[in-house]
């Protein structure tokens, strides 16, 4: 699977790469540090990702701003987008689902719990019929 990971925190990026690198099935992680960079990637010449993992709290363009632009684009709106954030703000949660996310995961503090959530998330999307670009 090709996964676009939109996250500005280097430690969070290392955690995801470390978690996924332990698995026998290799997934390609494409990283963007903010929503603007992610839109450049999505509108570039490369194949679209299968899923997007999106942080909410980022500089320049936050996750909700990115999500609104993504869901208004006829070419990109159907990409499954899962929020991966520390925000437990109910307003953020409701707004993200209103815009059209596929899931909302709060990053746990313990690395083992993080690994478990990411493994379940990827396993779920591996068995889904995804729109291949």
Protein backbone atom coordinates (compact mmCIF):
# COMPACT_ATOMS: atom_id res chain seq x y z
CA UNK A 1 0.00 0.00 0.00
CA UNK A 2 1.08 3.57 -0.69
CA UNK A 3 0.45 5.78 2.35
CA UNK A 4 0.67 9.56 2.37
CA UNK A 5 1.67 10.56 5.90
CA UNK A 6 1.12 14.26 6.63
CA UNK A 7 2.93 15.14 9.84
CA UNK A 8 5.27 17.96 10.86
CA UNK A 9 6.82 16.22 13.89
CA UNK A 10 10.01 14.28 13.06
CA UNK A 11 9.57 11.98 16.09
CA UNK A 12 6.08 10.98 14.94
CA UNK A 13 7.46 10.26 11.46
CA UNK A 14 10.19 8.08 12.95
CA UNK A 15 7.59 6.21 15.05
CA UNK A 16 5.45 5.40 12.02
CA UNK A 17 8.42 4.33 9.89
CA UNK A 18 9.78 2.20 12.73
CA UNK A 19 6.41 0.54 13.30
CA UNK A 20 5.80 -0.28 9.64
CA UNK A 21 9.38 -1.43 8.99
CA UNK A 22 8.86 -4.33 11.44
CA UNK A 23 6.16 -5.93 9.29
CA UNK A 24 6.80 -8.60 6.63
CA UNK A 25 4.67 -6.74 4.06
CA UNK A 26 6.35 -3.57 2.87
CA UNK A 27 4.30 -0.40 2.54
CA UNK A 28 5.53 2.76 0.84
CA UNK A 29 5.36 5.85 3.05
CA UNK A 30 5.27 9.20 1.29
CA UNK A 31 5.81 12.01 3.79
CA UNK A 32 4.66 15.63 3.77
CA UNK A 33 5.39 18.10 6.57
CA UNK A 34 2.21 20.13 6.08
CA UNK A 35 -0.97 20.40 4.03
CA UNK A 36 0.60 22.56 1.32
CA UNK A 37 3.37 20.03 0.70
CA UNK A 38 0.80 17.22 0.66
CA UNK A 39 -1.28 19.00 -2.00
CA UNK A 40 1.84 19.40 -4.15
CA UNK A 41 2.46 15.65 -3.86
CA UNK A 42 -1.16 14.78 -4.64
CA UNK A 43 -1.25 17.07 -7.68
CA UNK A 44 2.14 15.89 -8.92
CA UNK A 45 2.95 13.26 -11.54
CA UNK A 46 3.21 10.31 -9.14
CA UNK A 47 0.51 7.74 -8.50
CA UNK A 48 -2.00 8.73 -5.82
CA UNK A 49 -1.68 7.09 -2.40
CA UNK A 50 -4.08 4.39 -1.29
CA UNK A 51 -4.75 6.10 2.04
CA UNK A 52 -3.80 9.33 3.81
CA UNK A 53 -2.79 9.58 7.48
CA UNK A 54 -3.28 13.20 8.55
CA UNK A 55 -2.20 15.12 11.63
CA UNK A 56 -4.41 18.07 12.59
CA UNK A 57 -1.94 20.39 14.34
CA UNK A 58 0.52 21.58 11.70
CA UNK A 59 1.99 24.91 10.64
CA UNK A 60 1.07 26.82 7.45
CA UNK A 61 -2.04 24.75 6.72
CA UNK A 62 -3.61 22.68 9.49
CA UNK A 63 -5.23 19.31 8.97
CA UNK A 64 -8.80 20.59 8.79
CA UNK A 65 -7.89 23.21 6.18
CA UNK A 66 -6.16 20.50 4.13
CA UNK A 67 -9.12 18.18 4.53
CA UNK A 68 -11.56 20.80 3.21
CA UNK A 69 -9.45 21.35 0.08
CA UNK A 70 -8.99 17.59 -0.43
CA UNK A 71 -12.71 16.81 -0.20
CA UNK A 72 -13.63 19.59 -2.65
CA UNK A 73 -11.34 18.17 -5.34
CA UNK A 74 -13.19 15.72 -7.63
CA UNK A 75 -9.98 13.74 -8.26
CA UNK A 76 -8.90 13.48 -4.61
CA UNK A 77 -12.12 13.46 -2.59
CA UNK A 78 -12.43 9.67 -2.49
CA UNK A 79 -8.99 9.03 -0.97
CA UNK A 80 -9.56 7.46 2.46
CA UNK A 81 -8.23 9.95 4.98
CA UNK A 82 -7.62 8.93 8.56
CA UNK A 83 -6.86 11.52 11.21
CA UNK A 84 -3.91 10.55 13.41
CA UNK A 85 -3.66 13.21 16.10
CA UNK A 86 -3.23 14.08 19.74
CA UNK A 87 -6.34 16.28 19.65
CA UNK A 88 -9.16 15.01 21.82
CA UNK A 89 -11.18 18.12 21.02
CA UNK A 90 -14.75 17.00 20.25
CA UNK A 91 -15.22 19.97 17.91
CA UNK A 92 -12.27 18.76 15.79
CA UNK A 93 -13.64 15.22 15.79
CA UNK A 94 -17.12 16.28 14.66
CA UNK A 95 -15.80 18.71 12.03
CA UNK A 96 -13.51 16.06 10.53
CA UNK A 97 -16.34 13.54 10.24
CA UNK A 98 -18.61 16.25 8.81
CA UNK A 99 -16.04 16.98 6.09
CA UNK A 100 -15.69 13.29 5.28
CA UNK A 101 -12.89 11.38 6.99
CA UNK A 102 -12.60 7.61 7.11
CA UNK A 103 -11.44 7.49 10.73
CA UNK A 104 -10.11 9.42 13.71
CA UNK A 105 -7.34 7.93 15.84
CA UNK A 106 -5.85 9.58 18.91
CA UNK A 107 -2.12 8.89 19.20
CA UNK A 108 -1.47 7.00 22.43
CA UNK A 109 1.42 7.97 24.69
CA UNK A 110 2.91 4.48 25.01
CA UNK A 111 4.79 3.24 21.93
CA UNK A 112 3.36 -0.28 22.26
CA UNK A 113 -0.18 1.12 22.14
CA UNK A 114 0.76 3.25 19.12
CA UNK A 115 2.13 0.17 17.33
CA UNK A 116 -1.05 -1.76 18.08
CA UNK A 117 -3.32 1.00 16.72
CA UNK A 118 -1.25 1.45 13.55
CA UNK A 119 -1.16 -2.29 12.93
CA UNK A 120 -4.95 -2.53 13.23
CA UNK A 121 -5.42 0.54 11.04
CA UNK A 122 -3.22 -0.80 8.24
CA UNK A 123 -4.70 -4.31 8.50
CA UNK A 124 -8.19 -2.83 8.06
CA UNK A 125 -7.25 -0.88 4.94
CA UNK A 126 -5.29 -3.81 3.46
CA UNK A 127 -8.51 -5.82 3.17
CA UNK A 128 -10.59 -2.96 1.74
CA UNK A 129 -11.17 -2.48 -1.94
CA UNK A 130 -9.32 0.74 -2.56
CA UNK A 131 -9.62 3.04 -5.55
CA UNK A 132 -6.40 2.60 -7.46
CA UNK A 133 -5.23 5.73 -9.27
